[in-house]
N, C-alpha and C. Protein backbone atom coordinates (compact mmCIF):
# COMPACT_ATOMS: atom_id res chain seq x y z
N MET A 1 0.60 17.12 -19.41
CA MET A 1 1.43 16.54 -18.73
C MET A 1 0.28 15.30 -17.42
N SER A 2 0.37 14.18 -17.51
CA SER A 2 -0.61 13.23 -17.03
C SER A 2 -0.84 13.45 -15.63
N LYS A 3 -1.70 13.26 -15.36
CA LYS A 3 -2.01 13.29 -13.65
C LYS A 3 -1.54 12.03 -12.88
N TYR A 4 -1.26 11.27 -13.89
CA TYR A 4 -0.58 9.95 -13.11
C TYR A 4 0.72 9.81 -13.22
N GLN A 5 1.58 10.98 -14.04
CA GLN A 5 2.99 11.67 -14.29
C GLN A 5 4.10 10.89 -13.29
N ASP A 6 3.87 11.34 -12.21
CA ASP A 6 4.76 10.39 -10.73
C ASP A 6 4.77 9.00 -10.69
N GLU A 7 3.44 8.61 -11.13
CA GLU A 7 3.56 7.06 -10.68
C GLU A 7 4.33 6.33 -11.94
N VAL A 8 4.03 6.90 -13.04
CA VAL A 8 4.43 6.58 -14.84
C VAL A 8 6.09 6.41 -14.50
N ASP A 9 6.39 7.74 -13.79
CA ASP A 9 8.02 7.88 -14.04
C ASP A 9 8.50 7.05 -12.87
N LYS A 10 8.14 6.74 -11.83
CA LYS A 10 8.46 5.55 -11.01
C LYS A 10 8.31 4.11 -11.62
N ALA A 11 7.21 3.84 -12.51
CA ALA A 11 7.35 2.63 -12.92
C ALA A 11 8.05 2.50 -14.03
N TYR A 12 8.50 3.33 -14.74
CA TYR A 12 9.69 3.16 -16.04
C TYR A 12 11.11 3.22 -15.21
N ALA A 13 11.39 4.10 -14.25
CA ALA A 13 12.56 4.01 -13.60
C ALA A 13 12.98 2.81 -12.34
N GLU A 14 12.05 1.67 -12.64
CA GLU A 14 11.98 0.95 -11.77
C GLU A 14 12.15 -0.44 -12.86
N LEU A 15 12.08 -0.16 -14.16
CA LEU A 15 11.94 -1.29 -15.23
C LEU A 15 13.46 -1.62 -15.17
N SER A 16 14.02 -2.95 -15.23
CA SER A 16 15.36 -3.36 -15.25
C SER A 16 15.46 -4.66 -16.24
N ASN A 17 16.78 -4.97 -16.47
CA ASN A 17 17.11 -6.02 -17.33
C ASN A 17 16.52 -6.03 -18.53
N GLU A 18 16.81 -4.84 -19.40
CA GLU A 18 16.64 -4.77 -20.78
C GLU A 18 17.58 -4.02 -21.64
N PRO A 19 17.27 -3.74 -22.85
CA PRO A 19 17.69 -2.81 -23.84
C PRO A 19 17.35 -1.38 -23.56
N PRO A 20 18.71 -0.61 -23.80
CA PRO A 20 17.60 0.88 -23.71
C PRO A 20 16.89 0.92 -24.48
N HIS A 21 15.87 2.25 -24.49
CA HIS A 21 15.05 2.58 -25.30
C HIS A 21 15.23 4.07 -25.78
N THR A 22 14.76 3.82 -27.23
CA THR A 22 14.91 5.16 -27.57
C THR A 22 14.17 6.62 -26.66
N GLU A 23 14.11 7.25 -27.54
CA GLU A 23 12.78 8.47 -27.20
C GLU A 23 11.50 8.04 -27.34
N ALA A 24 11.40 7.65 -28.59
CA ALA A 24 10.09 7.21 -29.29
C ALA A 24 9.64 5.77 -28.30
N GLN A 25 10.44 4.81 -28.21
CA GLN A 25 10.39 3.58 -27.46
C GLN A 25 9.95 4.22 -26.15
N ALA A 26 10.64 5.17 -25.37
CA ALA A 26 10.11 5.37 -24.16
C ALA A 26 8.62 5.97 -24.17
N GLN A 27 8.30 6.67 -24.98
CA GLN A 27 7.18 7.30 -25.09
C GLN A 27 6.11 6.05 -25.12
N ILE A 28 5.93 5.22 -25.89
CA ILE A 28 4.89 4.23 -26.03
C ILE A 28 5.02 3.58 -24.62
N ILE A 29 6.47 2.93 -24.06
CA ILE A 29 6.17 2.22 -22.55
C ILE A 29 5.35 3.28 -21.68
N ARG A 30 5.64 4.69 -21.75
CA ARG A 30 5.07 5.14 -20.72
C ARG A 30 3.80 5.63 -21.08
N ASN A 31 3.23 5.41 -22.31
CA ASN A 31 1.67 5.10 -22.52
C ASN A 31 1.18 4.47 -22.14
N LEU A 32 1.62 3.22 -22.46
CA LEU A 32 0.91 1.92 -21.82
C LEU A 32 1.17 1.42 -20.32
N LEU A 33 2.27 2.16 -19.63
CA LEU A 33 2.32 2.41 -17.98
C LEU A 33 1.09 3.18 -17.44
N GLU A 34 0.98 4.31 -18.21
CA GLU A 34 -0.32 5.25 -17.99
C GLU A 34 -1.71 4.58 -18.15
N LEU A 35 -1.78 3.70 -19.07
CA LEU A 35 -3.41 2.90 -19.42
C LEU A 35 -3.37 1.66 -18.23
N TYR A 36 -1.95 1.28 -17.85
CA TYR A 36 -2.06 0.42 -16.66
C TYR A 36 -2.47 0.73 -15.52
N ILE A 37 -1.60 1.93 -15.05
CA ILE A 37 -2.11 2.82 -13.91
C ILE A 37 -3.31 3.52 -13.73
N GLY A 38 -3.60 4.41 -14.60
CA GLY A 38 -4.80 4.93 -14.76
C GLY A 38 -6.11 4.50 -14.71
N ALA A 39 -5.91 3.13 -15.92
CA ALA A 39 -7.44 2.22 -16.06
C ALA A 39 -7.45 1.23 -14.77
N PHE A 40 -6.39 0.56 -14.71
CA PHE A 40 -6.50 -0.20 -14.13
C PHE A 40 -6.51 -0.37 -12.63
N CYS A 41 -5.46 0.40 -12.03
CA CYS A 41 -5.14 1.01 -10.63
C CYS A 41 -6.27 1.93 -10.14
N HIS A 42 -6.59 3.15 -10.97
CA HIS A 42 -7.10 4.06 -10.21
C HIS A 42 -8.90 4.12 -11.13
N GLY A 43 -8.90 3.07 -12.04
CA GLY A 43 -10.25 3.01 -12.62
C GLY A 43 -11.06 4.34 -13.50
N ASP A 44 -9.65 5.13 -14.15
CA ASP A 44 -10.04 6.01 -14.51
C ASP A 44 -10.32 5.66 -16.25
N LEU A 45 -11.39 5.61 -16.55
CA LEU A 45 -11.93 5.29 -17.59
C LEU A 45 -11.62 6.10 -19.10
N ASP A 46 -11.23 7.36 -18.66
CA ASP A 46 -10.99 8.28 -19.57
C ASP A 46 -9.54 7.84 -20.44
N VAL A 47 -8.79 7.38 -19.54
CA VAL A 47 -7.34 6.93 -19.53
C VAL A 47 -7.48 5.56 -20.99
N ALA A 48 -8.50 4.72 -20.52
CA ALA A 48 -9.00 3.66 -21.44
C ALA A 48 -9.05 4.61 -23.13
N HIS A 49 -9.96 5.51 -22.85
CA HIS A 49 -10.52 5.93 -24.03
C HIS A 49 -9.36 6.81 -24.66
N LYS A 50 -8.27 7.63 -24.13
CA LYS A 50 -7.10 8.13 -24.43
C LYS A 50 -6.35 7.06 -25.21
N PHE A 51 -5.96 6.04 -24.71
CA PHE A 51 -5.12 5.10 -25.36
C PHE A 51 -5.45 3.82 -26.17
N LEU A 52 -6.73 3.37 -26.51
CA LEU A 52 -7.19 2.10 -27.03
C LEU A 52 -8.06 2.57 -28.13
N SER A 53 -7.42 1.98 -29.41
CA SER A 53 -8.32 2.10 -30.48
C SER A 53 -9.70 1.91 -30.38
N PRO A 54 -10.55 2.71 -31.17
CA PRO A 54 -12.04 1.97 -30.93
C PRO A 54 -12.30 0.58 -31.56
N SER A 55 -10.94 0.69 -32.67
CA SER A 55 -11.40 -0.78 -33.25
C SER A 55 -10.24 -1.82 -32.71
N TYR A 56 -9.73 -1.39 -31.25
CA TYR A 56 -9.17 -2.53 -30.27
C TYR A 56 -9.11 -3.77 -30.34
N LYS A 57 -8.55 -4.78 -30.65
CA LYS A 57 -8.98 -5.86 -31.01
C LYS A 57 -8.05 -7.04 -29.78
N GLN A 58 -8.73 -7.49 -29.24
CA GLN A 58 -8.36 -8.45 -27.86
C GLN A 58 -8.84 -10.07 -28.04
N HIS A 59 -7.60 -10.56 -27.66
CA HIS A 59 -6.95 -11.95 -27.76
C HIS A 59 -7.53 -12.64 -26.29
N ASN A 60 -7.72 -12.10 -25.43
CA ASN A 60 -7.89 -12.67 -24.11
C ASN A 60 -9.42 -13.05 -24.14
N PRO A 61 -9.67 -14.32 -24.14
CA PRO A 61 -10.80 -14.86 -24.26
C PRO A 61 -11.76 -14.13 -23.36
N ASP A 62 -11.48 -13.70 -22.23
CA ASP A 62 -12.61 -12.75 -21.23
C ASP A 62 -13.00 -11.58 -21.46
N VAL A 63 -12.63 -11.35 -22.34
CA VAL A 63 -12.71 -9.78 -22.62
C VAL A 63 -12.65 -9.25 -24.25
N GLY A 64 -13.65 -8.72 -24.13
CA GLY A 64 -14.52 -8.24 -25.53
C GLY A 64 -13.95 -7.25 -26.68
N ASP A 65 -14.25 -7.41 -27.57
CA ASP A 65 -13.41 -6.24 -28.52
C ASP A 65 -13.57 -5.14 -28.50
N GLY A 66 -12.81 -4.05 -29.07
CA GLY A 66 -12.93 -2.75 -28.89
C GLY A 66 -12.73 -1.96 -27.78
N LYS A 67 -12.34 -1.06 -27.50
CA LYS A 67 -12.39 -0.30 -26.06
C LYS A 67 -13.55 -0.72 -25.11
N GLU A 68 -14.70 -0.75 -25.67
CA GLU A 68 -15.69 -0.54 -24.78
C GLU A 68 -15.61 -2.21 -24.26
N GLY A 69 -15.15 -3.35 -24.96
CA GLY A 69 -14.92 -4.52 -24.17
C GLY A 69 -14.13 -4.20 -22.91
N LEU A 70 -12.68 -3.71 -23.17
CA LEU A 70 -11.61 -3.50 -21.96
C LEU A 70 -12.66 -2.63 -20.77
N ILE A 71 -13.16 -1.40 -21.46
CA ILE A 71 -14.02 -1.01 -20.59
C ILE A 71 -15.16 -1.59 -19.53
N ASP A 72 -15.51 -2.56 -20.23
CA ASP A 72 -16.72 -3.56 -19.47
C ASP A 72 -15.75 -3.97 -18.77
N PHE A 73 -14.83 -5.05 -19.16
CA PHE A 73 -13.61 -5.84 -18.06
C PHE A 73 -13.16 -5.05 -16.92
N LEU A 74 -12.93 -3.85 -17.11
CA LEU A 74 -12.41 -3.22 -15.81
C LEU A 74 -13.53 -2.95 -15.08
N LYS A 75 -14.76 -2.73 -15.39
CA LYS A 75 -15.80 -2.52 -14.49
C LYS A 75 -16.30 -3.84 -14.13
N HIS A 76 -15.93 -4.88 -14.50
CA HIS A 76 -16.31 -6.24 -13.75
C HIS A 76 -15.51 -6.40 -12.75
N VAL A 77 -13.98 -6.34 -13.08
CA VAL A 77 -13.02 -6.62 -11.87
C VAL A 77 -13.26 -5.65 -10.44
N ALA A 78 -13.67 -4.67 -10.84
CA ALA A 78 -13.72 -3.36 -10.17
C ALA A 78 -15.03 -3.96 -8.79
N SER A 79 -16.30 -4.41 -9.49
CA SER A 79 -17.01 -5.02 -9.43
C SER A 79 -17.05 -6.39 -8.50
N ALA A 80 -16.19 -7.47 -8.76
CA ALA A 80 -15.42 -8.38 -8.37
C ALA A 80 -14.66 -8.21 -6.59
N SER A 81 -14.07 -7.27 -7.28
CA SER A 81 -13.15 -6.97 -6.00
C SER A 81 -14.03 -6.08 -4.54
N ALA A 82 -15.05 -5.47 -5.37
CA ALA A 82 -15.45 -4.88 -4.22
C ALA A 82 -16.52 -5.95 -3.30
N GLN A 83 -16.95 -6.64 -4.12
CA GLN A 83 -17.91 -8.06 -3.46
C GLN A 83 -16.64 -8.72 -2.43
N ALA A 84 -15.40 -8.79 -3.41
CA ALA A 84 -14.42 -9.85 -2.35
C ALA A 84 -14.02 -9.08 -1.10
N ASN A 85 -14.28 -7.77 -0.98
CA ASN A 85 -13.52 -6.59 -0.03
C ASN A 85 -14.87 -6.04 0.87
N GLY A 86 -15.92 -6.57 1.19
CA GLY A 86 -16.70 -5.84 2.08
C GLY A 86 -17.39 -4.54 1.41
N GLY A 87 -17.49 -4.59 0.11
CA GLY A 87 -18.06 -3.43 -0.67
C GLY A 87 -17.14 -2.60 -0.67
N LYS A 88 -15.86 -2.50 -0.61
CA LYS A 88 -14.85 -1.38 -1.10
C LYS A 88 -13.71 -2.02 -2.22
N PRO A 89 -13.66 -1.91 -3.57
CA PRO A 89 -13.05 -2.12 -4.26
C PRO A 89 -11.52 -2.12 -3.77
N VAL A 90 -10.76 -3.09 -4.17
CA VAL A 90 -9.30 -2.97 -3.85
C VAL A 90 -8.43 -3.00 -4.99
N PRO A 91 -7.92 -1.79 -5.62
CA PRO A 91 -6.99 -1.79 -6.96
C PRO A 91 -5.87 -2.74 -7.19
N PRO A 92 -5.74 -3.24 -7.79
CA PRO A 92 -4.76 -4.23 -8.06
C PRO A 92 -3.15 -3.50 -8.21
N LYS A 93 -1.98 -4.01 -7.72
CA LYS A 93 -0.83 -3.26 -7.81
C LYS A 93 0.12 -4.15 -8.72
N PHE A 94 0.75 -3.28 -9.61
CA PHE A 94 1.13 -3.81 -10.47
C PHE A 94 3.00 -3.14 -10.22
N HIS A 95 3.97 -4.31 -10.27
CA HIS A 95 5.19 -3.96 -9.77
C HIS A 95 5.95 -4.65 -11.28
N PHE A 96 6.02 -3.61 -12.37
CA PHE A 96 6.52 -3.82 -14.00
C PHE A 96 8.08 -3.97 -13.39
N LYS A 97 8.70 -5.40 -14.44
CA LYS A 97 9.54 -5.81 -14.39
C LYS A 97 10.73 -4.93 -15.59
N ARG A 98 10.32 -5.33 -16.99
CA ARG A 98 10.77 -4.87 -18.07
C ARG A 98 9.56 -4.57 -19.18
N ALA A 99 10.08 -3.78 -20.00
CA ALA A 99 9.09 -3.56 -20.94
C ALA A 99 10.45 -3.55 -22.59
N LEU A 100 9.69 -4.05 -23.37
CA LEU A 100 10.56 -3.82 -25.01
C LEU A 100 9.66 -3.63 -25.73
N VAL A 101 10.23 -2.91 -26.95
CA VAL A 101 9.72 -2.33 -28.17
C VAL A 101 10.45 -2.84 -28.94
N ASP A 102 9.32 -3.51 -30.11
CA ASP A 102 10.33 -3.76 -31.34
C ASP A 102 9.23 -3.36 -32.59
N GLY A 103 9.68 -2.12 -32.78
CA GLY A 103 8.89 -1.55 -34.59
C GLY A 103 7.43 -1.37 -34.00
N GLN A 104 6.03 -1.94 -34.38
CA GLN A 104 4.84 -1.59 -33.65
C GLN A 104 4.35 -2.48 -31.89
N PHE A 105 5.26 -2.92 -31.94
CA PHE A 105 4.79 -3.90 -30.65
C PHE A 105 5.57 -3.62 -29.60
N VAL A 106 4.74 -3.61 -28.34
CA VAL A 106 5.27 -3.41 -27.21
C VAL A 106 5.03 -4.52 -25.72
N SER A 107 6.00 -4.88 -25.35
CA SER A 107 5.71 -5.72 -24.30
C SER A 107 6.09 -5.85 -22.87
N THR A 108 5.46 -6.05 -22.34
CA THR A 108 5.64 -5.83 -20.83
C THR A 108 5.64 -6.99 -20.05
N HIS A 109 6.78 -7.21 -18.79
CA HIS A 109 6.39 -8.33 -18.19
C HIS A 109 6.27 -7.69 -16.52
N PHE A 110 5.39 -8.19 -15.93
CA PHE A 110 4.97 -7.98 -14.61
C PHE A 110 4.53 -8.62 -13.50
N HIS A 111 4.61 -8.46 -12.40
CA HIS A 111 3.78 -9.07 -11.09
C HIS A 111 2.85 -8.02 -10.91
N MET A 112 1.64 -8.92 -10.86
CA MET A 112 0.79 -8.20 -10.49
C MET A 112 -0.45 -8.62 -9.20
N THR A 113 -0.59 -8.19 -8.01
CA THR A 113 -1.17 -8.63 -6.87
C THR A 113 -2.52 -8.07 -6.98
N ARG A 114 -3.35 -9.15 -6.34
CA ARG A 114 -4.94 -8.71 -6.27
C ARG A 114 -5.47 -7.91 -5.06
N TRP A 115 -4.81 -8.49 -3.93
CA TRP A 115 -5.37 -8.12 -2.57
C TRP A 115 -4.22 -8.61 -1.63
N PRO A 116 -4.20 -7.91 -0.69
CA PRO A 116 -3.12 -7.99 0.22
C PRO A 116 -3.17 -9.54 0.69
N GLY A 117 -1.74 -10.06 0.65
CA GLY A 117 -1.51 -10.94 0.77
C GLY A 117 -1.62 -12.19 -0.48
N ASP A 118 -1.84 -11.58 -1.55
CA ASP A 118 -1.93 -12.37 -2.90
C ASP A 118 -0.64 -12.71 -3.15
N ARG A 119 0.07 -13.87 -3.70
CA ARG A 119 0.96 -14.15 -4.47
C ARG A 119 1.30 -13.57 -5.42
N GLY A 120 0.00 -13.46 -6.41
CA GLY A 120 -0.22 -12.58 -7.33
C GLY A 120 0.26 -13.54 -8.78
N MET A 121 0.60 -13.18 -9.74
CA MET A 121 0.50 -13.39 -11.18
C MET A 121 1.70 -12.62 -11.63
N SER A 122 2.47 -13.73 -12.45
CA SER A 122 3.28 -13.22 -13.56
C SER A 122 2.49 -13.10 -14.95
N ILE A 123 2.59 -11.74 -15.42
CA ILE A 123 1.69 -11.60 -16.61
C ILE A 123 3.33 -10.93 -17.62
N MET A 124 3.02 -11.44 -19.07
CA MET A 124 3.64 -10.81 -19.77
C MET A 124 2.49 -10.62 -21.32
N ASP A 125 2.29 -9.15 -21.16
CA ASP A 125 1.17 -8.55 -22.16
C ASP A 125 2.17 -8.25 -23.47
N ILE A 126 1.56 -8.26 -24.87
CA ILE A 126 1.92 -7.61 -25.95
C ILE A 126 1.18 -6.97 -26.51
N PHE A 127 1.35 -5.60 -27.06
CA PHE A 127 0.28 -4.82 -27.67
C PHE A 127 1.15 -4.36 -28.86
N LYS A 128 0.11 -4.36 -29.89
CA LYS A 128 0.50 -3.69 -31.18
C LYS A 128 0.22 -2.08 -30.97
N HIS A 129 0.78 -1.40 -31.26
CA HIS A 129 0.72 0.24 -31.09
C HIS A 129 0.79 0.82 -32.73
N GLU A 130 -0.49 1.64 -32.97
CA GLU A 130 -0.21 2.51 -34.43
C GLU A 130 -1.18 3.54 -33.96
N GLY A 131 -0.43 4.69 -34.43
CA GLY A 131 -1.12 6.56 -34.61
C GLY A 131 -0.97 6.85 -33.18
N GLY A 132 -0.28 6.24 -31.97
CA GLY A 132 -0.55 6.86 -30.64
C GLY A 132 -1.56 6.27 -30.09
N GLN A 133 -2.27 4.76 -30.67
CA GLN A 133 -3.02 4.16 -29.67
C GLN A 133 -2.53 2.45 -29.81
N PHE A 134 -3.30 2.01 -28.45
CA PHE A 134 -2.92 0.36 -28.75
C PHE A 134 -4.02 -0.08 -29.36
N VAL A 135 -3.80 -0.86 -30.36
CA VAL A 135 -4.90 -1.65 -31.25
C VAL A 135 -4.75 -3.25 -31.22
N GLU A 136 -4.03 -3.48 -30.74
CA GLU A 136 -4.48 -5.37 -30.42
C GLU A 136 -3.47 -5.90 -29.06
N HIS A 137 -4.25 -6.92 -28.56
CA HIS A 137 -3.44 -7.16 -27.06
C HIS A 137 -3.45 -8.63 -27.17
N TRP A 138 -2.26 -8.92 -26.89
CA TRP A 138 -2.09 -10.69 -26.37
C TRP A 138 -1.35 -10.61 -25.04
N GLU A 139 -1.70 -11.63 -24.19
CA GLU A 139 -0.86 -12.23 -22.90
C GLU A 139 -1.25 -13.67 -22.68
N CYS A 140 -0.17 -14.16 -21.58
CA CYS A 140 0.23 -14.96 -21.13
C CYS A 140 -0.02 -14.38 -19.63
N ILE A 141 -0.60 -15.47 -18.89
CA ILE A 141 -0.69 -15.25 -17.28
C ILE A 141 -0.16 -16.05 -16.56
N THR A 142 0.22 -16.61 -15.54
CA THR A 142 0.94 -17.67 -15.03
C THR A 142 0.66 -17.32 -13.24
N GLU A 143 -0.35 -18.07 -12.59
CA GLU A 143 -0.42 -18.03 -11.01
C GLU A 143 0.93 -18.11 -10.30
N ILE A 144 1.22 -17.29 -9.44
CA ILE A 144 2.76 -17.73 -8.72
C ILE A 144 2.41 -18.56 -7.85
N PRO A 145 3.04 -19.76 -7.91
CA PRO A 145 2.92 -21.15 -6.86
C PRO A 145 3.21 -20.56 -5.47
N GLU A 146 2.98 -21.65 -4.33
CA GLU A 146 3.39 -21.29 -3.39
C GLU A 146 5.13 -22.03 -3.27
N ASN A 147 5.31 -22.93 -4.41
CA ASN A 147 6.67 -23.55 -4.03
C ASN A 147 6.92 -23.70 -5.88
N SER A 148 8.49 -23.52 -5.87
CA SER A 148 8.94 -23.88 -7.46
C SER A 148 9.85 -24.66 -6.94
N LYS A 149 10.26 -25.46 -8.07
CA LYS A 149 11.18 -26.49 -8.34
C LYS A 149 12.42 -25.87 -8.90
N ASN A 150 12.73 -24.72 -8.96
CA ASN A 150 13.86 -24.08 -8.98
C ASN A 150 14.43 -22.88 -8.23
N SER A 151 15.38 -22.19 -8.04
CA SER A 151 15.44 -21.14 -6.97
C SER A 151 15.77 -19.70 -8.13
N ASN A 152 15.55 -19.96 -9.12
CA ASN A 152 15.25 -18.58 -9.91
C ASN A 152 14.29 -17.72 -10.17
N GLY A 153 13.25 -17.76 -9.28
CA GLY A 153 11.95 -17.00 -9.47
C GLY A 153 11.44 -16.83 -10.83
N MET A 154 10.40 -16.03 -10.66
CA MET A 154 8.99 -15.69 -11.76
C MET A 154 9.92 -14.26 -12.43
N PHE A 155 10.62 -13.72 -12.00
CA PHE A 155 11.17 -12.26 -12.66
C PHE A 155 12.58 -12.44 -12.64
């Protein structure tokens, strides 16, 4: 059992507006939620080592390839957060909205806030999954604007 099991269970239970998942799909989603929660929110790099393939391919131009590329990015984010918050990093908060699985691909849509009072970002990630690890990643990120031309919301 994962040390983040309660947080993963809570995040999975809050997913909405999506088709039902098979047991295999649910496990892939739970693994991805554990990666987000463990690595990004808790800075637990062991989780990144567990779920990322050594040949992990990254399509975000700000992050290098391989699991070490993401680990370096996580360290950079923690350092930038600490500098912006008087020496103490503030972990991001993830509010997962939906997760979809189709074959080897899993996508997530979530609201991420970086600091107290941040409107945050709407993020859609797509990961390719093989043999129990994530091997490739794409994403689209949109800052949440102060005003919207519609009343539908970002989520």
